Amino acid sequence: GGTESLAGVVGFGRAAELALAEMQAHATKLRDLRERFEQGIAGLPGVQIFAAEAERLPDTVQIGVAQFDGEALVMELDKHGFAVSSGSACHSGSGKPSHVLLAMGQNETVARSAVRISFGRENTREDVDKLLAALRRILEARQQHARAVAW
């Protein structure tokens, strides 16, 4: 009841010091992964980065893919071994388009296409390359399907 754990306080203080010391290097690594991903999708048709020019967290990118429902893209990427989300963590699974994207002037269709990708401490540049390759395969398969249906 009321006695503070001196060892716990000291341990927490040391953990905070270590986290602070590593924070900048960690943020730089995550920003590098995010930028690698963004450069890799630059030429993909119908793909846009939301708020690309805004100051953002170093580990997160939100994209939209024209004529592609975000939930469907999440499932396709999951089949390729990637865990991404179609919305913010606090609204995940709600089925509603992002109120933030709507407030930014995006229409409901574009807002529903949104997919959020977050990179973490264990991710590598190779992981980003694999994600880009999977995204390209998914988009190519969709284009082939659309051409086949058009016949």
Protein backbone atom coordinates (compact mmCIF):
# COMPACT_ATOMS: atom_id res chain seq x y z
CA GLY A 1 0.00 0.00 0.00
CA GLY A 2 1.95 3.27 0.04
CA THR A 3 5.58 2.34 -0.05
CA GLU A 4 7.11 3.06 -3.44
CA SER A 5 9.32 0.42 -4.96
CA LEU A 6 12.71 2.12 -5.01
CA ALA A 7 14.11 -0.52 -7.36
CA GLY A 8 11.13 -0.04 -9.69
CA VAL A 9 11.59 3.75 -9.71
CA VAL A 10 15.30 3.46 -10.45
CA GLY A 11 14.66 0.82 -13.13
CA PHE A 12 11.99 2.96 -14.79
CA GLY A 13 14.32 5.96 -14.76
CA ARG A 14 17.08 3.95 -16.43
CA ALA A 15 14.66 2.58 -19.03
CA ALA A 16 13.55 6.14 -19.83
CA GLU A 17 17.20 7.22 -20.24
CA LEU A 18 17.88 4.33 -22.64
CA ALA A 19 14.72 5.01 -24.63
CA LEU A 20 15.61 8.69 -24.97
CA ALA A 21 19.14 7.86 -26.08
CA GLU A 22 17.85 5.53 -28.82
CA MET A 23 14.82 7.57 -29.87
CA GLN A 24 16.47 9.68 -32.59
CA ALA A 25 18.25 6.72 -34.21
CA HIS A 26 15.02 4.72 -34.11
CA ALA A 27 13.02 7.56 -35.67
CA THR A 28 15.64 7.97 -38.40
CA LYS A 29 15.48 4.26 -39.26
CA LEU A 30 11.68 4.30 -39.39
CA ARG A 31 11.62 7.44 -41.55
CA ASP A 32 14.05 5.73 -43.95
CA LEU A 33 11.71 2.72 -44.24
CA ARG A 34 8.68 4.97 -44.78
CA GLU A 35 10.49 7.01 -47.45
CA ARG A 36 11.69 3.84 -49.19
CA PHE A 37 8.09 2.63 -49.34
CA GLU A 38 6.80 5.98 -50.58
CA GLN A 39 9.44 6.12 -53.31
CA GLY A 40 8.58 2.56 -54.30
CA ILE A 41 4.88 3.31 -54.83
CA ALA A 42 5.53 6.57 -56.70
CA GLY A 43 4.94 5.03 -60.11
CA LEU A 44 2.04 2.75 -59.26
CA PRO A 45 -1.18 3.75 -61.03
CA GLY A 46 -4.00 5.00 -58.84
CA VAL A 47 -1.97 5.02 -55.62
CA GLN A 48 -1.82 8.18 -53.56
CA ILE A 49 -0.18 9.06 -50.28
CA PHE A 50 -2.42 11.00 -47.93
CA ALA A 51 -0.82 14.08 -46.36
CA ALA A 52 2.52 13.38 -48.05
CA GLU A 53 3.69 16.96 -47.53
CA ALA A 54 2.54 17.21 -43.91
CA GLU A 55 4.68 16.58 -40.88
CA ARG A 56 3.96 13.00 -39.92
CA LEU A 57 5.10 10.27 -37.61
CA PRO A 58 8.25 8.62 -38.97
CA ASP A 59 6.80 5.10 -38.88
CA THR A 60 3.42 5.49 -40.55
CA VAL A 61 2.10 6.10 -44.05
CA GLN A 62 -1.50 6.12 -45.22
CA ILE A 63 -2.25 5.41 -48.84
CA GLY A 64 -5.31 5.12 -51.01
CA VAL A 65 -5.66 2.97 -54.10
CA ALA A 66 -8.20 4.17 -56.66
CA GLN A 67 -11.12 1.82 -57.21
CA PHE A 68 -9.92 -0.50 -54.45
CA ASP A 69 -11.71 -0.87 -51.12
CA GLY A 70 -9.28 -0.50 -48.23
CA GLU A 71 -10.65 -3.56 -46.41
CA ALA A 72 -10.17 -5.68 -49.54
CA LEU A 73 -6.58 -4.47 -49.89
CA VAL A 74 -5.94 -5.25 -46.21
CA MET A 75 -7.14 -8.83 -46.81
CA GLU A 76 -5.03 -9.20 -49.96
CA LEU A 77 -1.91 -7.97 -48.18
CA ASP A 78 -2.69 -10.30 -45.28
CA LYS A 79 -2.65 -13.23 -47.73
CA HIS A 80 0.90 -12.13 -48.62
CA GLY A 81 1.92 -12.03 -44.96
CA PHE A 82 1.56 -8.31 -44.21
CA ALA A 83 -0.47 -6.89 -41.34
CA VAL A 84 -1.83 -3.45 -42.24
CA SER A 85 -4.99 -1.59 -41.33
CA SER A 86 -7.75 0.16 -43.23
CA GLY A 87 -8.11 2.92 -40.65
CA SER A 88 -6.86 4.42 -37.46
CA ALA A 89 -6.40 2.07 -34.55
CA CYS A 90 -9.22 3.73 -32.61
CA HIS A 91 -11.71 3.24 -35.48
CA SER A 92 -10.45 -0.05 -36.90
CA GLY A 93 -13.30 -2.31 -37.97
CA SER A 94 -15.97 0.41 -37.87
CA GLY A 95 -16.58 0.24 -41.63
CA LYS A 96 -16.95 4.01 -41.83
CA PRO A 97 -14.62 6.14 -43.94
CA SER A 98 -12.07 8.15 -42.02
CA HIS A 99 -13.57 11.40 -40.75
CA VAL A 100 -10.07 12.90 -40.98
CA LEU A 101 -9.76 12.09 -44.69
CA LEU A 102 -13.26 13.44 -45.26
CA ALA A 103 -12.29 16.65 -43.43
CA MET A 104 -9.21 16.86 -45.68
CA GLY A 105 -11.55 17.04 -48.68
CA GLN A 106 -11.39 13.44 -49.85
CA ASN A 107 -14.65 11.94 -51.06
CA GLU A 108 -16.12 8.83 -49.39
CA THR A 109 -14.88 6.45 -52.09
CA VAL A 110 -11.30 7.66 -51.77
CA ALA A 111 -11.54 7.69 -47.97
CA ARG A 112 -12.75 4.07 -48.02
CA SER A 113 -9.71 3.09 -50.09
CA ALA A 114 -7.35 4.12 -47.29
CA VAL A 115 -4.81 1.68 -45.89
CA ARG A 116 -2.46 2.54 -43.03
CA ILE A 117 0.98 0.95 -42.98
CA SER A 118 3.16 1.17 -39.89
CA PHE A 119 6.79 0.15 -39.67
CA GLY A 120 8.40 -1.09 -36.48
CA ARG A 121 11.71 -1.68 -34.79
CA GLU A 122 12.16 -5.12 -36.34
CA ASN A 123 11.32 -4.12 -39.93
CA THR A 124 14.07 -3.93 -42.53
CA ARG A 125 14.55 -2.44 -45.98
CA GLU A 126 14.05 -5.96 -47.33
CA ASP A 127 10.64 -6.09 -45.63
CA VAL A 128 9.70 -2.86 -47.41
CA ASP A 129 10.84 -4.31 -50.75
CA LYS A 130 8.74 -7.44 -50.15
CA LEU A 131 5.72 -5.29 -49.27
CA LEU A 132 6.17 -3.27 -52.46
CA ALA A 133 6.46 -6.45 -54.53
CA ALA A 134 3.28 -7.85 -52.96
CA LEU A 135 1.41 -4.59 -53.59
CA ARG A 136 2.53 -4.59 -57.23
CA ARG A 137 1.36 -8.22 -57.66
CA ILE A 138 -2.02 -7.40 -56.12
CA LEU A 139 -2.53 -4.36 -58.36
CA GLU A 140 -1.40 -6.25 -61.47
CA ALA A 141 -3.77 -9.12 -60.69
CA ARG A 142 -6.61 -6.63 -60.28
CA GLN A 143 -5.79 -5.01 -63.62
CA GLN A 144 -5.68 -8.40 -65.35
CA HIS A 145 -9.02 -9.32 -63.80
CA ALA A 146 -10.54 -6.01 -64.93
CA ARG A 147 -9.32 -6.60 -68.50
CA ALA A 148 -10.71 -10.14 -68.50
CA VAL A 149 -14.11 -8.93 -67.26
CA ALA A 150 -14.13 -6.20 -69.92
CA TRP A 151 -14.03 -8.83 -72.66
